[in-house]
């Protein structure tokens, strides 16, 4: 007589937790910013019909695009656990270097741009190197860089040009090349849009791929989440941090030259104060101030919200001074929301 024994029931690995659809949706860094963008758009659309027409869309996508390019690279650095307060001033450094070398020293524009890029990358490398070697907070290191660059931008521009701005680059040979690449316009729906919007999308896609599909993206999250633990599992934390600072500097070079070739001149104070807008966009987009969490898409949407708000206030007929109030309110709301999201994120891992 044969005895049939039931196969032992397979036990589920206790390390694998089932996460419901709602919770998996709530822990997405970009969810809050997407909902916020819808609310902001709907609000200002009811205040002015121009806001949602093609001309209005072009006007608020313009500042959002340059904010967005920088917000994306700043978000990568913040996910890695650091800040760069010199990101805004580096815009001025990049544009001034290109303009001065071209107009005052008769360099070919492309060569001047290459030297400007090398300078910005060197600044980013120095910021990152000092952070990893000294152990000082990136806030202190980059605040020092911010102050030094601000003084150099103004002081050297005055010494070389006897003014606080550099212009006339549109009269230089080969101007049309970089101008078409960085500052040209395309016509859609009968309205002209700056090509910077396309670059904004490309930066967002590239940064998202980097974060979610590459080993370096895993390193960014690991270093920002727990640097000591990441070192213990073989993550090159120092190299990752330095590279992130250099990426921010690359973004500053790119946007600084966009401003230069769009306006054909640049002021010595260009970019001053923009670093706070970039950080605010990243936080509104879901990046945690403590690092280890966030997304490029969220930061990009955060920049979109800021762009819509800056122009929406104008279309609504309000004083532009209200923009800073709305920016501060959105930042506070985003920080509070991120705290709730982080609790959900921690619970979902259990």
Protein backbone atom coordinates (compact mmCIF):
# COMPACT_ATOMS: atom_id res chain seq x y z
CA UNK A 1 0.00 0.00 0.00
CA UNK A 2 1.48 3.32 -1.08
CA UNK A 3 1.14 6.42 0.97
CA UNK A 4 0.94 9.72 -0.84
CA UNK A 5 2.46 12.61 1.03
CA UNK A 6 1.60 16.16 0.21
CA UNK A 7 4.41 18.28 -1.04
CA UNK A 8 5.53 20.81 1.53
CA UNK A 9 4.07 24.18 0.91
CA UNK A 10 6.60 26.58 -0.54
CA UNK A 11 7.22 29.40 1.86
CA UNK A 12 7.62 32.86 0.49
CA UNK A 13 10.95 34.52 1.12
CA UNK A 14 10.37 36.85 4.04
CA UNK A 15 12.74 39.37 2.46
CA UNK A 16 10.35 39.85 -0.44
CA UNK A 17 7.46 42.06 0.57
CA UNK A 18 4.36 42.48 -1.52
CA UNK A 19 3.70 46.12 -2.22
CA UNK A 20 0.25 47.22 -3.29
CA UNK A 21 -0.32 49.30 -6.39
CA UNK A 22 -1.29 52.40 -4.42
CA UNK A 23 1.79 52.29 -2.24
CA UNK A 24 4.09 51.58 -5.17
CA UNK A 25 2.58 54.63 -6.87
CA UNK A 26 2.89 56.86 -3.82
CA UNK A 27 6.60 56.15 -3.38
CA UNK A 28 7.41 57.42 -6.88
CA UNK A 29 9.47 60.60 -6.38
CA UNK A 30 7.86 62.38 -9.31
CA UNK A 31 4.22 61.71 -8.40
CA UNK A 32 3.81 64.73 -6.14
CA UNK A 33 5.39 67.08 -8.67
CA UNK A 34 3.20 65.75 -11.48
CA UNK A 35 0.07 66.36 -9.45
CA UNK A 36 1.40 69.78 -8.47
CA UNK A 37 2.05 70.67 -12.12
CA UNK A 38 -1.53 69.79 -13.02
CA UNK A 39 -2.88 71.94 -10.20
CA UNK A 40 -0.64 74.91 -11.06
CA UNK A 41 -1.54 74.69 -14.75
CA UNK A 42 -5.26 74.47 -14.01
CA UNK A 43 -5.10 77.39 -11.59
CA UNK A 44 -3.32 79.83 -13.89
CA UNK A 45 -5.32 78.65 -16.90
CA UNK A 46 -8.44 79.90 -15.12
CA UNK A 47 -6.75 83.24 -14.42
CA UNK A 48 -5.81 83.99 -18.03
CA UNK A 49 -6.74 82.39 -21.35
CA UNK A 50 -3.36 83.41 -22.79
CA UNK A 51 -1.64 81.08 -20.34
CA UNK A 52 -2.74 77.91 -22.14
CA UNK A 53 -2.54 79.23 -25.70
CA UNK A 54 0.55 78.50 -27.82
CA UNK A 55 2.10 81.91 -27.14
CA UNK A 56 1.63 81.52 -23.41
CA UNK A 57 2.98 77.97 -23.40
CA UNK A 58 6.08 79.13 -25.27
CA UNK A 59 6.63 81.88 -22.70
CA UNK A 60 6.56 79.64 -19.65
CA UNK A 61 8.38 76.73 -21.29
CA UNK A 62 11.28 79.09 -22.04
CA UNK A 63 12.39 79.70 -18.41
CA UNK A 64 11.35 76.18 -17.46
CA UNK A 65 13.74 74.72 -20.04
CA UNK A 66 16.90 76.38 -18.68
CA UNK A 67 15.77 75.82 -15.09
CA UNK A 68 15.02 72.22 -16.02
CA UNK A 69 18.42 71.46 -17.54
CA UNK A 70 20.12 72.64 -14.37
CA UNK A 71 17.54 71.09 -12.03
CA UNK A 72 18.22 67.68 -13.57
CA UNK A 73 21.99 67.74 -12.96
CA UNK A 74 21.52 69.34 -9.53
CA UNK A 75 19.06 66.54 -8.70
CA UNK A 76 21.69 63.92 -9.54
CA UNK A 77 24.07 65.59 -7.12
CA UNK A 78 21.39 65.85 -4.43
CA UNK A 79 20.50 62.17 -4.81
CA UNK A 80 24.20 61.56 -4.27
CA UNK A 81 23.94 63.43 -0.97
CA UNK A 82 25.48 66.83 -1.81
CA UNK A 83 24.66 70.41 -2.80
CA UNK A 84 26.40 72.86 -5.14
CA UNK A 85 25.71 76.48 -4.25
CA UNK A 86 28.06 77.65 -7.01
CA UNK A 87 25.93 76.17 -9.81
CA UNK A 88 24.23 79.47 -10.61
CA UNK A 89 27.33 81.66 -10.61
CA UNK A 90 29.12 79.15 -12.83
CA UNK A 91 26.63 80.10 -15.56
CA UNK A 92 28.11 83.57 -15.56
CA UNK A 93 31.66 82.20 -15.46
CA UNK A 94 30.98 80.00 -18.49
CA UNK A 95 29.33 82.70 -20.58
CA UNK A 96 31.83 85.39 -19.65
CA UNK A 97 34.80 83.15 -20.46
CA UNK A 98 33.45 82.32 -23.91
CA UNK A 99 32.54 85.95 -24.62
CA UNK A 100 35.80 87.51 -23.37
CA UNK A 101 38.05 85.02 -25.14
CA UNK A 102 36.13 85.59 -28.37
CA UNK A 103 35.64 89.35 -28.39
CA UNK A 104 38.72 90.53 -26.47
CA UNK A 105 41.33 87.94 -27.46
CA UNK A 106 40.05 87.09 -30.96
CA UNK A 107 39.72 83.36 -30.38
CA UNK A 108 37.52 81.24 -32.60
CA UNK A 109 34.17 80.77 -30.85
CA UNK A 110 34.42 76.98 -30.78
CA UNK A 111 37.88 77.14 -29.18
CA UNK A 112 36.66 79.66 -26.62
CA UNK A 113 33.74 77.39 -25.79
CA UNK A 114 36.09 74.43 -25.33
CA UNK A 115 38.29 76.44 -22.94
CA UNK A 116 35.17 77.60 -21.09
CA UNK A 117 34.06 73.98 -20.75
CA UNK A 118 37.48 72.92 -19.45
CA UNK A 119 37.37 75.72 -16.88
CA UNK A 120 33.91 74.74 -15.64
CA UNK A 121 34.85 71.06 -15.41
CA UNK A 122 37.96 72.06 -13.44
CA UNK A 123 35.77 74.01 -11.01
CA UNK A 124 33.49 71.01 -10.61
CA UNK A 125 36.45 68.70 -10.08
CA UNK A 126 37.89 71.05 -7.45
CA UNK A 127 34.56 71.24 -5.62
CA UNK A 128 34.22 67.47 -5.56
CA UNK A 129 37.85 66.86 -4.68
CA UNK A 130 37.72 69.25 -1.73
CA UNK A 131 34.50 67.66 -0.47
CA UNK A 132 35.86 64.10 -0.49
CA UNK A 133 39.34 65.02 0.77
CA UNK A 134 38.44 67.42 3.57
CA UNK A 135 35.22 65.81 4.71
CA UNK A 136 33.67 69.26 5.02
CA UNK A 137 30.01 69.65 4.06
CA UNK A 138 29.51 70.44 0.39
CA UNK A 139 27.44 73.42 1.54
CA UNK A 140 30.57 75.09 2.94
CA UNK A 141 32.88 74.16 0.06
CA UNK A 142 30.54 75.35 -2.68
CA UNK A 143 29.52 78.47 -0.75
CA UNK A 144 33.19 79.44 -0.80
CA UNK A 145 33.35 78.72 -4.53
CA UNK A 146 30.20 80.77 -5.04
CA UNK A 147 31.69 83.81 -3.34
CA UNK A 148 35.04 83.53 -5.12
CA UNK A 149 33.47 83.11 -8.55
CA UNK A 150 31.11 85.99 -7.93
CA UNK A 151 34.07 88.25 -7.18
CA UNK A 152 36.12 86.96 -10.10
CA UNK A 153 33.26 87.36 -12.57
CA UNK A 154 32.77 90.98 -11.63
CA UNK A 155 36.40 91.93 -10.99
CA UNK A 156 37.97 90.37 -14.08
CA UNK A 157 35.19 91.59 -16.36
CA UNK A 158 35.77 95.16 -15.16
CA UNK A 159 39.54 94.86 -15.57
CA UNK A 160 39.35 93.41 -19.09
CA UNK A 161 36.40 95.31 -20.57
CA UNK A 162 36.01 98.35 -18.25
CA UNK A 163 32.32 97.41 -17.95
CA UNK A 164 30.26 94.79 -16.13
CA UNK A 165 29.06 93.07 -19.29
CA UNK A 166 30.43 91.60 -22.50
CA UNK A 167 28.63 91.96 -25.83
CA UNK A 168 29.16 91.90 -29.56
CA UNK A 169 29.66 88.17 -29.86
CA UNK A 170 27.12 88.09 -32.71
CA UNK A 171 29.66 90.04 -34.80
CA UNK A 172 32.28 87.32 -34.47
CA UNK A 173 33.00 84.66 -37.14
CA UNK A 174 31.29 81.27 -36.76
CA UNK A 175 28.64 82.76 -34.46
CA UNK A 176 25.80 81.08 -36.37
CA UNK A 177 27.04 77.58 -35.57
CA UNK A 178 26.72 77.57 -31.78
CA UNK A 179 23.80 79.98 -31.97
CA UNK A 180 21.81 77.49 -34.06
CA UNK A 181 22.78 74.65 -31.77
CA UNK A 182 21.98 76.34 -28.46
CA UNK A 183 19.72 79.34 -29.01
CA UNK A 184 17.77 78.94 -32.23
CA UNK A 185 13.99 78.76 -32.48
CA UNK A 186 11.65 76.28 -34.14
CA UNK A 187 8.07 76.96 -35.20
CA UNK A 188 5.29 74.69 -33.93
CA UNK A 189 1.56 75.40 -34.12
CA UNK A 190 2.39 78.80 -35.56
CA UNK A 191 4.45 79.74 -32.50
CA UNK A 192 8.23 79.94 -32.08
CA UNK A 193 9.79 77.80 -29.36
CA UNK A 194 13.43 77.93 -28.25
CA UNK A 195 15.49 74.83 -28.99
CA UNK A 196 16.51 74.79 -25.32
CA UNK A 197 13.21 73.00 -24.69
CA UNK A 198 14.47 70.07 -26.77
CA UNK A 199 17.76 70.07 -24.89
CA UNK A 200 15.80 70.04 -21.63
CA UNK A 201 13.96 66.89 -22.72
CA UNK A 202 17.20 65.23 -23.84
CA UNK A 203 18.92 66.04 -20.54
CA UNK A 204 15.97 64.58 -18.62
CA UNK A 205 15.93 61.37 -20.67
CA UNK A 206 19.71 60.94 -20.42
CA UNK A 207 19.74 61.55 -16.66
CA UNK A 208 16.83 59.15 -16.12
CA UNK A 209 18.61 56.45 -18.10
CA UNK A 210 21.79 57.10 -16.13
CA UNK A 211 19.98 56.76 -12.81
CA UNK A 212 17.81 53.76 -13.58
CA UNK A 213 19.71 51.71 -16.15
CA UNK A 214 23.42 52.03 -15.38
CA UNK A 215 25.85 50.94 -12.69
CA UNK A 216 26.79 54.55 -12.09
CA UNK A 217 23.14 55.30 -11.28
CA UNK A 218 23.21 52.58 -8.62
CA UNK A 219 26.36 54.15 -7.22
CA UNK A 220 24.61 57.54 -6.98
CA UNK A 221 21.74 56.12 -4.93
CA UNK A 222 24.13 54.07 -2.80
CA UNK A 223 26.45 56.99 -1.98
CA UNK A 224 23.53 59.28 -1.21
CA UNK A 225 21.76 56.68 0.92
CA UNK A 226 24.70 55.58 3.05
CA UNK A 227 28.21 56.47 1.95
CA UNK A 228 29.95 54.22 4.49
CA UNK A 229 27.87 51.19 3.55
CA UNK A 230 28.41 51.89 -0.15
CA UNK A 231 32.18 51.90 0.38
CA UNK A 232 31.93 48.58 2.20
CA UNK A 233 30.35 46.94 -0.85
CA UNK A 234 32.90 48.33 -3.26
CA UNK A 235 31.24 51.49 -4.57
CA UNK A 236 33.85 54.10 -5.62
CA UNK A 237 32.27 56.84 -3.52
CA UNK A 238 34.94 59.48 -4.06
CA UNK A 239 34.95 59.07 -7.83
CA UNK A 240 31.14 59.13 -7.93
CA UNK A 241 30.96 62.34 -5.90
CA UNK A 242 33.58 64.15 -7.98
CA UNK A 243 31.87 63.08 -11.21
CA UNK A 244 28.52 64.41 -9.97
CA UNK A 245 30.04 67.82 -9.21
CA UNK A 246 31.57 67.86 -12.69
CA UNK A 247 28.17 67.04 -14.20
CA UNK A 248 26.68 70.06 -12.45
CA UNK A 249 29.50 72.21 -13.82
CA UNK A 250 28.86 70.83 -17.30
CA UNK A 251 25.22 71.83 -16.98
CA UNK A 252 26.26 75.32 -15.89
CA UNK A 253 28.54 75.63 -18.91
CA UNK A 254 25.76 74.49 -21.23
CA UNK A 255 23.10 76.85 -19.87
CA UNK A 256 25.56 79.74 -19.52
CA UNK A 257 26.37 79.50 -23.21
CA UNK A 258 22.67 79.23 -24.05
CA UNK A 259 22.16 82.60 -22.35
CA UNK A 260 25.18 84.07 -24.15
CA UNK A 261 24.16 83.04 -27.66
CA UNK A 262 20.52 83.87 -27.08
CA UNK A 263 21.12 87.41 -25.81
CA UNK A 264 24.45 87.95 -27.66
CA UNK A 265 25.78 89.53 -24.46
CA UNK A 266 26.20 88.52 -20.85
CA UNK A 267 26.29 90.34 -17.53
CA UNK A 268 28.89 89.73 -14.82
CA UNK A 269 26.12 88.85 -12.35
CA UNK A 270 24.40 86.30 -14.61
CA UNK A 271 23.19 83.29 -12.66
CA UNK A 272 23.42 84.94 -9.27
CA UNK A 273 20.73 83.43 -7.03
CA UNK A 274 19.69 80.80 -9.58
CA UNK A 275 21.24 78.00 -7.53
CA UNK A 276 18.39 78.27 -5.03
CA UNK A 277 15.84 77.92 -7.84
CA UNK A 278 17.59 74.78 -9.09
CA UNK A 279 17.63 73.22 -5.62
CA UNK A 280 14.00 74.22 -5.10
CA UNK A 281 13.02 72.58 -8.41
CA UNK A 282 14.78 69.36 -7.40
CA UNK A 283 13.09 69.32 -3.99
CA UNK A 284 9.67 70.12 -5.46
CA UNK A 285 10.34 67.23 -7.84
CA UNK A 286 10.77 64.78 -4.98
CA UNK A 287 14.49 64.83 -4.10
CA UNK A 288 15.17 64.44 -0.40
CA UNK A 289 17.53 66.91 1.24
CA UNK A 290 19.20 63.96 2.95
CA UNK A 291 20.11 62.26 -0.35
CA UNK A 292 19.52 58.77 -1.68
CA UNK A 293 16.09 59.46 -3.14
CA UNK A 294 14.69 61.36 -6.11
CA UNK A 295 14.39 61.32 -9.88
CA UNK A 296 15.43 63.34 -12.90
CA UNK A 297 11.85 63.43 -14.19
CA UNK A 298 10.62 64.82 -10.88
CA UNK A 299 13.25 67.58 -10.89
CA UNK A 300 12.32 68.42 -14.46
CA UNK A 301 8.65 68.68 -13.54
CA UNK A 302 9.64 70.82 -10.56
CA UNK A 303 11.32 73.22 -12.98
CA UNK A 304 8.17 73.18 -15.10
CA UNK A 305 6.12 74.22 -12.07
CA UNK A 306 8.51 77.10 -11.38
CA UNK A 307 8.40 78.16 -15.03
CA UNK A 308 4.60 78.11 -15.08
CA UNK A 309 4.41 80.04 -11.82
CA UNK A 310 6.87 82.74 -12.91
CA UNK A 311 4.87 83.53 -16.03
CA UNK A 312 1.44 82.64 -14.68
CA UNK A 313 1.69 85.40 -12.10
CA UNK A 314 2.34 87.90 -14.90
CA UNK A 315 -0.58 86.66 -16.98
CA UNK A 316 -2.84 86.82 -13.93
CA UNK A 317 -1.97 90.51 -13.59
CA UNK A 318 -0.30 90.14 -10.19
CA UNK A 319 2.89 91.80 -8.99
CA UNK A 320 5.97 89.75 -9.90
CA UNK A 321 7.09 89.98 -6.26
CA UNK A 322 4.56 87.23 -5.48
CA UNK A 323 6.72 84.75 -7.38
CA UNK A 324 9.16 84.38 -4.48
CA UNK A 325 6.27 83.86 -2.08
CA UNK A 326 4.82 81.08 -4.24
CA UNK A 327 8.27 79.54 -4.68
CA UNK A 328 8.82 79.44 -0.92
CA UNK A 329 5.35 78.02 -0.29
CA UNK A 330 5.84 75.29 -2.91
CA UNK A 331 9.24 74.42 -1.45
CA UNK A 332 7.82 74.11 2.07
CA UNK A 333 4.93 71.99 0.83
CA UNK A 334 7.31 69.78 -1.13
CA UNK A 335 9.55 69.18 1.91
CA UNK A 336 6.56 68.24 4.06
CA UNK A 337 5.23 65.96 1.33
CA UNK A 338 8.63 64.33 0.89
CA UNK A 339 8.66 63.41 4.57
CA UNK A 340 5.41 61.50 4.14
CA UNK A 341 6.67 59.87 0.95
CA UNK A 342 9.84 58.74 2.67
CA UNK A 343 7.84 57.05 5.43
CA UNK A 344 5.87 55.16 2.79
CA UNK A 345 9.08 54.27 1.02
CA UNK A 346 10.63 52.88 4.19
CA UNK A 347 7.50 50.89 5.03
CA UNK A 348 7.33 49.40 1.53
CA UNK A 349 10.82 47.94 1.94
CA UNK A 350 9.87 46.00 5.06
